[in-house]
Amino acid sequence: MKLKLLILVLGLQTAWLLATVALQEYALATGKLILLETQRLDPRDLLRGDYLILNYKISTVPGKLFSPPVQNDLAPGTEVYVALAPGTNRFYELTRASTNAFAPLADEVLLLGKNADRAWHATNSVRVTYGIERYFVAENTGNPAGKLTVQVAVPASGHPEIKQVFLDGQPYAEAMRP
């Protein structure tokens, strides 16, 4: 009896792990690839190692882009739908946003994010996080000098996944080799 229970628990844990990996790989393989401009910060976590905090241009959404217009603070954690379209230099830029789901136009990509904090009065904008703000890197490579750009895969669900980070146009790992 105990052996059957142990096998069942191990089987369920393995199935959960494989399903999680399969979903992320499916999103990376089938999602639309877009390029985003970013600015970096270089923190270090003693337990997880070096990583980059990526601050995207699309993370600050002006209130005027919202439909219906946002006049004041949104509660932290409010879902925000953001439409992006190709802009200058192949980077995707904000076109419109809403707290309600909407269908993107033919040339747009729809991202789903969450309102991060209450900063409306200072900026008349909403700070949105998309779940792609951290990128873990090899030990002692978390402080690059140069311009970072990020290639993101956006599946139909709107939850983006980082596919590749570039430093001055080269893949990050390649650019940081000694």
N, C-alpha and C. Protein backbone atom coordinates (compact mmCIF):
# COMPACT_ATOMS: atom_id res chain seq x y z
N MET A 1 0.82 -1.20 0.00
CA MET A 1 0.00 0.00 0.00
C MET A 1 0.87 1.26 0.00
N LYS A 2 1.86 1.28 0.88
CA LYS A 2 2.74 2.44 0.97
C LYS A 2 3.56 2.62 -0.30
N LEU A 3 3.98 1.53 -0.91
CA LEU A 3 4.76 1.59 -2.13
C LEU A 3 3.91 2.16 -3.27
N LYS A 4 2.64 1.75 -3.36
CA LYS A 4 1.75 2.28 -4.39
C LYS A 4 1.51 3.77 -4.21
N LEU A 5 1.36 4.20 -2.97
CA LEU A 5 1.16 5.62 -2.68
C LEU A 5 2.40 6.43 -3.05
N LEU A 6 3.57 5.91 -2.72
CA LEU A 6 4.82 6.58 -3.06
C LEU A 6 4.97 6.70 -4.58
N ILE A 7 4.67 5.63 -5.30
CA ILE A 7 4.76 5.66 -6.76
C ILE A 7 3.77 6.66 -7.34
N LEU A 8 2.57 6.73 -6.79
CA LEU A 8 1.57 7.68 -7.25
C LEU A 8 2.03 9.12 -7.03
N VAL A 9 2.57 9.41 -5.85
CA VAL A 9 3.05 10.76 -5.54
C VAL A 9 4.20 11.14 -6.47
N LEU A 10 5.15 10.24 -6.65
CA LEU A 10 6.28 10.52 -7.55
C LEU A 10 5.80 10.70 -8.99
N GLY A 11 4.84 9.90 -9.41
CA GLY A 11 4.29 10.02 -10.76
C GLY A 11 3.60 11.36 -10.97
N LEU A 12 2.83 11.82 -9.98
CA LEU A 12 2.15 13.11 -10.08
C LEU A 12 3.15 14.26 -10.11
N GLN A 13 4.18 14.19 -9.29
CA GLN A 13 5.19 15.24 -9.29
C GLN A 13 5.93 15.29 -10.62
N THR A 14 6.24 14.14 -11.16
CA THR A 14 6.93 14.08 -12.46
C THR A 14 6.04 14.62 -13.56
N ALA A 15 4.75 14.26 -13.54
CA ALA A 15 3.81 14.75 -14.55
C ALA A 15 3.67 16.27 -14.46
N TRP A 16 3.60 16.81 -13.26
CA TRP A 16 3.49 18.27 -13.09
C TRP A 16 4.72 18.97 -13.63
N LEU A 17 5.90 18.43 -13.32
CA LEU A 17 7.14 19.03 -13.79
C LEU A 17 7.23 18.99 -15.32
N LEU A 18 6.92 17.85 -15.91
CA LEU A 18 6.98 17.73 -17.37
C LEU A 18 5.94 18.63 -18.05
N ALA A 19 4.76 18.75 -17.47
CA ALA A 19 3.73 19.62 -18.04
C ALA A 19 4.16 21.08 -18.00
N THR A 20 4.78 21.50 -16.92
CA THR A 20 5.27 22.88 -16.79
C THR A 20 6.32 23.17 -17.86
N VAL A 21 7.26 22.28 -18.02
CA VAL A 21 8.31 22.45 -19.03
C VAL A 21 7.70 22.45 -20.43
N ALA A 22 6.78 21.54 -20.68
CA ALA A 22 6.16 21.45 -22.00
C ALA A 22 5.40 22.73 -22.34
N LEU A 23 4.68 23.29 -21.39
CA LEU A 23 3.94 24.53 -21.64
C LEU A 23 4.87 25.69 -21.97
N GLN A 24 5.98 25.82 -21.23
CA GLN A 24 6.92 26.90 -21.50
C GLN A 24 7.61 26.71 -22.84
N GLU A 25 7.98 25.49 -23.17
CA GLU A 25 8.62 25.23 -24.46
C GLU A 25 7.64 25.47 -25.61
N TYR A 26 6.38 25.12 -25.42
CA TYR A 26 5.37 25.36 -26.44
C TYR A 26 5.21 26.86 -26.68
N ALA A 27 5.18 27.65 -25.59
CA ALA A 27 5.06 29.10 -25.73
C ALA A 27 6.25 29.68 -26.49
N LEU A 28 7.45 29.21 -26.19
CA LEU A 28 8.64 29.70 -26.89
C LEU A 28 8.65 29.29 -28.35
N ALA A 29 8.16 28.09 -28.65
CA ALA A 29 8.21 27.58 -30.02
C ALA A 29 7.12 28.19 -30.90
N THR A 30 5.95 28.46 -30.35
CA THR A 30 4.83 28.91 -31.18
C THR A 30 4.51 30.39 -31.04
N GLY A 31 5.05 31.05 -30.04
CA GLY A 31 4.74 32.46 -29.82
C GLY A 31 5.35 33.36 -30.88
N LYS A 32 4.73 34.52 -31.09
CA LYS A 32 5.26 35.51 -32.03
C LYS A 32 6.48 36.16 -31.39
N LEU A 33 7.57 36.26 -32.14
CA LEU A 33 8.81 36.84 -31.62
C LEU A 33 8.80 38.34 -31.85
N ILE A 34 9.08 39.07 -30.78
CA ILE A 34 9.16 40.53 -30.86
C ILE A 34 10.43 40.98 -30.16
N LEU A 35 10.92 42.17 -30.52
CA LEU A 35 12.09 42.77 -29.86
C LEU A 35 11.63 43.92 -28.99
N LEU A 36 12.19 44.00 -27.78
CA LEU A 36 11.85 45.06 -26.84
C LEU A 36 13.12 45.77 -26.40
N GLU A 37 13.01 47.10 -26.27
CA GLU A 37 14.13 47.89 -25.73
C GLU A 37 14.07 47.80 -24.22
N THR A 38 15.23 47.85 -23.60
CA THR A 38 15.28 47.75 -22.15
C THR A 38 16.46 48.53 -21.59
N GLN A 39 16.40 48.75 -20.30
CA GLN A 39 17.52 49.30 -19.54
C GLN A 39 17.78 48.32 -18.42
N ARG A 40 19.00 48.14 -18.03
CA ARG A 40 19.30 47.12 -17.05
C ARG A 40 19.67 47.69 -15.69
N LEU A 41 19.49 46.86 -14.70
CA LEU A 41 20.04 47.06 -13.36
C LEU A 41 20.83 45.79 -13.08
N ASP A 42 21.77 45.82 -12.17
CA ASP A 42 22.60 44.64 -11.97
C ASP A 42 22.62 44.17 -10.52
N PRO A 43 21.55 43.57 -10.07
CA PRO A 43 21.54 43.04 -8.70
C PRO A 43 22.20 41.67 -8.64
N ARG A 44 22.36 41.18 -7.45
CA ARG A 44 22.89 39.85 -7.22
C ARG A 44 22.12 39.25 -6.06
N ASP A 45 21.74 38.01 -6.20
CA ASP A 45 21.02 37.29 -5.17
C ASP A 45 21.94 36.20 -4.67
N LEU A 46 22.19 36.17 -3.37
CA LEU A 46 23.14 35.20 -2.82
C LEU A 46 22.70 33.76 -3.06
N LEU A 47 21.40 33.50 -3.10
CA LEU A 47 20.93 32.14 -3.29
C LEU A 47 20.77 31.76 -4.75
N ARG A 48 20.47 32.72 -5.62
CA ARG A 48 20.21 32.40 -7.02
C ARG A 48 21.30 32.87 -7.97
N GLY A 49 22.24 33.66 -7.52
CA GLY A 49 23.33 34.10 -8.37
C GLY A 49 23.07 35.42 -9.05
N ASP A 50 23.77 35.65 -10.16
CA ASP A 50 23.66 36.90 -10.90
C ASP A 50 22.42 36.89 -11.78
N TYR A 51 21.79 38.03 -11.86
CA TYR A 51 20.68 38.19 -12.78
C TYR A 51 20.55 39.66 -13.15
N LEU A 52 19.84 39.91 -14.22
CA LEU A 52 19.58 41.27 -14.67
C LEU A 52 18.13 41.60 -14.38
N ILE A 53 17.88 42.80 -13.89
CA ILE A 53 16.52 43.29 -13.82
C ILE A 53 16.33 44.14 -15.06
N LEU A 54 15.38 43.74 -15.89
CA LEU A 54 15.15 44.41 -17.16
C LEU A 54 13.98 45.38 -17.02
N ASN A 55 14.23 46.62 -17.32
CA ASN A 55 13.23 47.68 -17.23
C ASN A 55 12.86 48.06 -18.66
N TYR A 56 11.69 47.63 -19.09
CA TYR A 56 11.26 47.85 -20.47
C TYR A 56 10.61 49.21 -20.66
N LYS A 57 10.73 49.75 -21.87
CA LYS A 57 10.01 50.98 -22.21
C LYS A 57 8.51 50.77 -22.10
N ILE A 58 8.06 49.57 -22.43
CA ILE A 58 6.62 49.28 -22.41
C ILE A 58 6.08 49.06 -20.99
N SER A 59 6.95 49.13 -19.98
CA SER A 59 6.50 48.93 -18.60
C SER A 59 5.80 50.15 -18.04
N THR A 60 6.04 51.32 -18.61
CA THR A 60 5.36 52.54 -18.19
C THR A 60 4.33 52.89 -19.25
N VAL A 61 3.06 52.68 -18.91
CA VAL A 61 1.97 52.88 -19.87
C VAL A 61 1.27 54.20 -19.55
N PRO A 62 1.35 55.19 -20.44
CA PRO A 62 0.67 56.47 -20.19
C PRO A 62 -0.84 56.27 -20.08
N GLY A 63 -1.46 57.02 -19.18
CA GLY A 63 -2.90 56.91 -18.96
C GLY A 63 -3.71 57.20 -20.20
N LYS A 64 -3.20 58.05 -21.09
CA LYS A 64 -3.94 58.42 -22.30
C LYS A 64 -4.09 57.26 -23.28
N LEU A 65 -3.26 56.19 -23.15
CA LEU A 65 -3.37 55.05 -24.05
C LEU A 65 -4.47 54.08 -23.64
N PHE A 66 -5.03 54.25 -22.45
CA PHE A 66 -6.05 53.34 -21.95
C PHE A 66 -7.41 53.65 -22.56
N SER A 67 -8.16 52.58 -22.81
CA SER A 67 -9.53 52.70 -23.28
C SER A 67 -10.37 51.75 -22.45
N PRO A 68 -11.27 52.21 -21.63
CA PRO A 68 -11.59 53.60 -21.33
C PRO A 68 -10.43 54.26 -20.57
N PRO A 69 -10.33 55.60 -20.68
CA PRO A 69 -9.21 56.32 -20.06
C PRO A 69 -9.11 56.07 -18.55
N VAL A 70 -7.88 55.92 -18.08
CA VAL A 70 -7.63 55.76 -16.66
C VAL A 70 -7.39 57.14 -16.08
N GLN A 71 -8.16 57.50 -15.09
CA GLN A 71 -8.06 58.84 -14.51
C GLN A 71 -7.26 58.88 -13.21
N ASN A 72 -7.07 57.72 -12.58
CA ASN A 72 -6.35 57.68 -11.31
C ASN A 72 -5.75 56.29 -11.10
N ASP A 73 -5.29 56.05 -9.87
CA ASP A 73 -4.61 54.79 -9.55
C ASP A 73 -5.45 53.56 -9.88
N LEU A 74 -4.76 52.53 -10.34
CA LEU A 74 -5.34 51.20 -10.40
C LEU A 74 -4.83 50.45 -9.17
N ALA A 75 -5.62 49.54 -8.68
CA ALA A 75 -5.18 48.74 -7.54
C ALA A 75 -3.99 47.88 -7.96
N PRO A 76 -2.98 47.74 -7.11
CA PRO A 76 -1.85 46.86 -7.44
C PRO A 76 -2.36 45.45 -7.74
N GLY A 77 -1.81 44.85 -8.79
CA GLY A 77 -2.22 43.51 -9.19
C GLY A 77 -3.35 43.48 -10.21
N THR A 78 -3.88 44.65 -10.58
CA THR A 78 -4.93 44.70 -11.60
C THR A 78 -4.38 44.24 -12.94
N GLU A 79 -5.11 43.36 -13.63
CA GLU A 79 -4.67 42.89 -14.93
C GLU A 79 -4.75 44.04 -15.94
N VAL A 80 -3.70 44.17 -16.75
CA VAL A 80 -3.63 45.20 -17.77
C VAL A 80 -3.29 44.52 -19.10
N TYR A 81 -4.11 44.78 -20.11
CA TYR A 81 -3.88 44.25 -21.45
C TYR A 81 -3.24 45.36 -22.28
N VAL A 82 -2.11 45.05 -22.92
CA VAL A 82 -1.34 46.04 -23.66
C VAL A 82 -1.14 45.55 -25.10
N ALA A 83 -1.43 46.41 -26.06
CA ALA A 83 -1.20 46.09 -27.47
C ALA A 83 0.11 46.75 -27.91
N LEU A 84 0.94 45.97 -28.60
CA LEU A 84 2.22 46.46 -29.12
C LEU A 84 2.22 46.30 -30.63
N ALA A 85 2.84 47.24 -31.31
CA ALA A 85 2.98 47.16 -32.76
C ALA A 85 4.42 47.49 -33.12
N PRO A 86 4.89 47.02 -34.28
CA PRO A 86 6.26 47.32 -34.69
C PRO A 86 6.45 48.83 -34.80
N GLY A 87 7.55 49.29 -34.22
CA GLY A 87 7.88 50.71 -34.29
C GLY A 87 9.19 50.90 -35.02
N THR A 88 9.96 51.86 -34.57
CA THR A 88 11.25 52.14 -35.20
C THR A 88 12.29 51.09 -34.80
N ASN A 89 13.24 50.85 -35.67
CA ASN A 89 14.35 49.93 -35.40
C ASN A 89 13.90 48.52 -35.03
N ARG A 90 12.77 48.06 -35.55
CA ARG A 90 12.24 46.71 -35.31
C ARG A 90 11.75 46.48 -33.90
N PHE A 91 11.81 47.48 -33.03
CA PHE A 91 11.32 47.31 -31.66
C PHE A 91 9.82 47.54 -31.62
N TYR A 92 9.15 46.77 -30.77
CA TYR A 92 7.71 46.93 -30.60
C TYR A 92 7.43 48.02 -29.58
N GLU A 93 6.38 48.80 -29.84
CA GLU A 93 6.03 49.94 -28.99
C GLU A 93 4.57 49.87 -28.62
N LEU A 94 4.22 50.56 -27.53
CA LEU A 94 2.84 50.61 -27.05
C LEU A 94 1.93 51.31 -28.04
N THR A 95 0.75 50.75 -28.26
CA THR A 95 -0.25 51.42 -29.09
C THR A 95 -1.51 51.72 -28.30
N ARG A 96 -1.91 50.79 -27.44
CA ARG A 96 -3.10 51.00 -26.62
C ARG A 96 -3.11 50.02 -25.46
N ALA A 97 -3.96 50.30 -24.49
CA ALA A 97 -4.03 49.47 -23.29
C ALA A 97 -5.44 49.50 -22.72
N SER A 98 -5.73 48.53 -21.87
CA SER A 98 -7.04 48.47 -21.23
C SER A 98 -6.97 47.54 -20.03
N THR A 99 -7.90 47.71 -19.12
CA THR A 99 -8.02 46.76 -18.01
C THR A 99 -8.99 45.64 -18.39
N ASN A 100 -9.57 45.73 -19.58
CA ASN A 100 -10.46 44.69 -20.11
C ASN A 100 -9.80 44.05 -21.32
N ALA A 101 -10.06 42.76 -21.52
CA ALA A 101 -9.49 42.06 -22.67
C ALA A 101 -10.05 42.64 -23.97
N PHE A 102 -9.21 42.70 -25.00
CA PHE A 102 -9.64 43.17 -26.31
C PHE A 102 -8.85 42.42 -27.37
N ALA A 103 -9.36 42.45 -28.59
CA ALA A 103 -8.69 41.75 -29.69
C ALA A 103 -7.64 42.66 -30.32
N PRO A 104 -6.43 42.16 -30.53
CA PRO A 104 -5.41 42.98 -31.18
C PRO A 104 -5.71 43.13 -32.67
N LEU A 105 -5.23 44.22 -33.26
CA LEU A 105 -5.33 44.41 -34.71
C LEU A 105 -4.35 43.48 -35.40
N ALA A 106 -4.39 43.46 -36.73
CA ALA A 106 -3.57 42.52 -37.51
C ALA A 106 -2.07 42.66 -37.23
N ASP A 107 -1.58 43.88 -37.06
CA ASP A 107 -0.14 44.07 -36.86
C ASP A 107 0.25 44.16 -35.39
N GLU A 108 -0.69 43.98 -34.48
CA GLU A 108 -0.43 44.11 -33.05
C GLU A 108 -0.22 42.77 -32.37
N VAL A 109 0.45 42.83 -31.22
CA VAL A 109 0.64 41.69 -30.33
C VAL A 109 0.05 42.11 -28.99
N LEU A 110 -0.70 41.21 -28.36
CA LEU A 110 -1.34 41.53 -27.09
C LEU A 110 -0.58 40.88 -25.95
N LEU A 111 -0.15 41.69 -24.98
CA LEU A 111 0.52 41.20 -23.77
C LEU A 111 -0.41 41.37 -22.58
N LEU A 112 -0.30 40.44 -21.65
CA LEU A 112 -1.05 40.54 -20.41
C LEU A 112 -0.07 40.80 -19.29
N GLY A 113 -0.31 41.87 -18.54
CA GLY A 113 0.55 42.22 -17.42
C GLY A 113 -0.27 42.57 -16.21
N LYS A 114 0.42 43.03 -15.16
CA LYS A 114 -0.26 43.44 -13.94
C LYS A 114 0.27 44.79 -13.50
N ASN A 115 -0.63 45.60 -12.95
CA ASN A 115 -0.23 46.88 -12.40
C ASN A 115 0.70 46.62 -11.22
N ALA A 116 1.86 47.27 -11.22
CA ALA A 116 2.88 46.99 -10.21
C ALA A 116 2.73 47.83 -8.95
N ASP A 117 2.37 49.09 -9.09
CA ASP A 117 2.31 49.96 -7.91
C ASP A 117 1.42 51.16 -8.17
N ARG A 118 1.28 51.98 -7.17
CA ARG A 118 0.48 53.20 -7.29
C ARG A 118 1.42 54.38 -7.50
N ALA A 119 1.55 54.83 -8.74
CA ALA A 119 2.44 55.96 -9.05
C ALA A 119 1.73 56.95 -9.94
N TRP A 120 0.42 56.91 -9.97
CA TRP A 120 -0.35 57.71 -10.91
C TRP A 120 -0.12 59.21 -10.73
N HIS A 121 -0.19 59.70 -9.52
CA HIS A 121 -0.13 61.15 -9.29
C HIS A 121 1.19 61.75 -9.73
N ALA A 122 2.26 60.97 -9.66
CA ALA A 122 3.56 61.50 -10.03
C ALA A 122 3.79 61.47 -11.55
N THR A 123 3.22 60.50 -12.25
CA THR A 123 3.59 60.32 -13.65
C THR A 123 2.42 60.29 -14.62
N ASN A 124 1.19 60.22 -14.15
CA ASN A 124 0.01 60.05 -15.01
C ASN A 124 0.17 58.83 -15.90
N SER A 125 0.77 57.78 -15.37
CA SER A 125 0.97 56.54 -16.10
C SER A 125 0.82 55.36 -15.15
N VAL A 126 0.74 54.20 -15.73
CA VAL A 126 0.59 52.97 -14.95
C VAL A 126 1.84 52.12 -15.16
N ARG A 127 2.42 51.63 -14.09
CA ARG A 127 3.61 50.77 -14.15
C ARG A 127 3.12 49.33 -14.24
N VAL A 128 3.49 48.64 -15.34
CA VAL A 128 3.02 47.29 -15.60
C VAL A 128 4.19 46.31 -15.60
N THR A 129 4.02 45.17 -14.95
CA THR A 129 5.01 44.09 -15.01
C THR A 129 4.42 42.95 -15.83
N TYR A 130 5.28 42.28 -16.59
CA TYR A 130 4.85 41.22 -17.51
C TYR A 130 5.39 39.84 -17.13
N GLY A 131 6.20 39.76 -16.08
CA GLY A 131 6.79 38.48 -15.70
C GLY A 131 8.09 38.18 -16.43
N ILE A 132 8.62 39.15 -17.15
CA ILE A 132 9.88 38.97 -17.89
C ILE A 132 10.91 40.00 -17.45
N GLU A 133 10.81 40.42 -16.22
CA GLU A 133 11.70 41.48 -15.74
C GLU A 133 13.02 40.96 -15.18
N ARG A 134 13.16 39.65 -14.97
CA ARG A 134 14.41 39.08 -14.47
C ARG A 134 14.97 38.09 -15.47
N TYR A 135 16.29 38.17 -15.66
CA TYR A 135 16.99 37.25 -16.55
C TYR A 135 18.25 36.78 -15.83
N PHE A 136 18.30 35.49 -15.51
CA PHE A 136 19.43 34.94 -14.77
C PHE A 136 20.57 34.63 -15.73
N VAL A 137 21.79 34.95 -15.28
CA VAL A 137 22.98 34.82 -16.13
C VAL A 137 24.06 34.05 -15.40
N ALA A 138 25.12 33.68 -16.12
CA ALA A 138 26.23 32.94 -15.53
C ALA A 138 26.93 33.79 -14.45
N GLU A 139 27.55 33.11 -13.54
CA GLU A 139 28.26 33.76 -12.43
C GLU A 139 29.25 34.82 -12.93
N ASN A 140 29.25 35.96 -12.31
CA ASN A 140 30.14 37.09 -12.60
C ASN A 140 29.94 37.68 -14.00
N THR A 141 28.76 37.54 -14.57
CA THR A 141 28.46 38.17 -15.85
C THR A 141 27.24 39.08 -15.75
N GLY A 142 26.86 39.45 -14.54
CA GLY A 142 25.65 40.23 -14.33
C GLY A 142 25.82 41.72 -14.40
N ASN A 143 26.96 42.21 -14.83
CA ASN A 143 27.18 43.65 -14.89
C ASN A 143 27.75 44.05 -16.25
N PRO A 144 26.96 43.89 -17.31
CA PRO A 144 27.47 44.20 -18.65
C PRO A 144 27.48 45.69 -18.94
N ALA A 145 28.37 46.09 -19.84
CA ALA A 145 28.38 47.47 -20.33
C ALA A 145 27.94 47.42 -21.78
N GLY A 146 26.87 48.11 -22.11
CA GLY A 146 26.36 48.11 -23.47
C GLY A 146 24.85 48.14 -23.48
N LYS A 147 24.28 48.10 -24.68
CA LYS A 147 22.84 48.18 -24.84
C LYS A 147 22.23 46.78 -24.86
N LEU A 148 21.26 46.57 -23.98
CA LEU A 148 20.55 45.30 -23.92
C LEU A 148 19.25 45.39 -24.71
N THR A 149 18.97 44.36 -25.49
CA THR A 149 17.67 44.21 -26.13
C THR A 149 17.20 42.79 -25.85
N VAL A 150 15.90 42.60 -25.87
CA VAL A 150 15.34 41.31 -25.49
C VAL A 150 14.42 40.81 -26.59
N GLN A 151 14.58 39.55 -26.97
CA GLN A 151 13.67 38.90 -27.91
C GLN A 151 12.69 38.09 -27.05
N VAL A 152 11.42 38.36 -27.25
CA VAL A 152 10.37 37.76 -26.44
C VAL A 152 9.43 36.97 -27.33
N ALA A 153 9.02 35.79 -26.87
CA ALA A 153 8.00 35.00 -27.55
C ALA A 153 6.67 35.27 -26.86
N VAL A 154 5.66 35.64 -27.67
CA VAL A 154 4.35 35.96 -27.12
C VAL A 154 3.32 34.98 -27.68
N PRO A 155 2.90 34.01 -26.87
CA PRO A 155 1.87 33.08 -27.33
C PRO A 155 0.49 33.73 -27.30
N ALA A 156 -0.51 33.01 -27.76
CA ALA A 156 -1.88 33.54 -27.81
C ALA A 156 -2.41 33.92 -26.43
N SER A 157 -1.88 33.32 -25.37
CA SER A 157 -2.34 33.63 -24.01
C SER A 157 -1.94 35.03 -23.58
N GLY A 158 -0.92 35.63 -24.25
CA GLY A 158 -0.46 36.97 -23.89
C GLY A 158 0.60 36.99 -22.80
N HIS A 159 0.98 35.82 -22.29
CA HIS A 159 2.02 35.74 -21.25
C HIS A 159 3.37 35.57 -21.93
N PRO A 160 4.20 36.62 -21.99
CA PRO A 160 5.47 36.55 -22.72
C PRO A 160 6.52 35.71 -22.01
N GLU A 161 7.45 35.18 -22.80
CA GLU A 161 8.60 34.43 -22.31
C GLU A 161 9.85 34.99 -22.98
N ILE A 162 10.91 35.21 -22.20
CA ILE A 162 12.18 35.67 -22.79
C ILE A 162 12.78 34.53 -23.59
N LYS A 163 13.07 34.78 -24.85
CA LYS A 163 13.72 33.78 -25.70
C LYS A 163 15.23 34.02 -25.76
N GLN A 164 15.62 35.30 -25.87
CA GLN A 164 17.04 35.63 -26.00
C GLN A 164 17.27 37.07 -25.54
N VAL A 165 18.40 37.29 -24.89
CA VAL A 165 18.82 38.64 -24.53
C VAL A 165 20.08 38.94 -25.32
N PHE A 166 20.12 40.13 -25.89
CA PHE A 166 21.26 40.55 -26.70
C PHE A 166 21.98 41.71 -26.03
N LEU A 167 23.29 41.70 -26.10
CA LEU A 167 24.12 42.79 -25.62
C LEU A 167 24.83 43.37 -26.83
N ASP A 168 24.50 44.59 -27.17
CA ASP A 168 25.05 45.25 -28.36
C ASP A 168 24.88 44.38 -29.62
N GLY A 169 23.73 43.73 -29.74
CA GLY A 169 23.41 42.95 -30.92
C GLY A 169 23.89 41.51 -30.92
N GLN A 170 24.69 41.12 -29.93
CA GLN A 170 25.18 39.74 -29.84
C GLN A 170 24.42 39.01 -28.74
N PRO A 171 24.22 37.70 -28.87
CA PRO A 171 23.61 36.95 -27.77
C PRO A 171 24.41 37.17 -26.48
N TYR A 172 23.68 37.31 -25.37
CA TYR A 172 24.30 37.71 -24.09
C TYR A 172 25.45 36.79 -23.69
N ALA A 173 25.24 35.49 -23.71
CA ALA A 173 26.28 34.56 -23.28
C ALA A 173 27.54 34.69 -24.13
N GLU A 174 27.34 34.90 -25.43
CA GLU A 174 28.47 35.06 -26.35
C GLU A 174 29.21 36.37 -26.08
N ALA A 175 28.48 37.42 -25.85
CA ALA A 175 29.08 38.75 -25.63
C ALA A 175 29.84 38.82 -24.30
N MET A 176 29.45 38.00 -23.31
CA MET A 176 30.08 38.07 -22.00
C MET A 176 31.21 37.06 -21.82
N ARG A 177 31.55 36.31 -22.88
CA ARG A 177 32.69 35.38 -22.77
C ARG A 177 33.98 36.15 -22.59
N PRO A 178 34.90 35.61 -21.78
CA PRO A 178 36.16 36.34 -21.57
C PRO A 178 37.04 36.34 -22.81
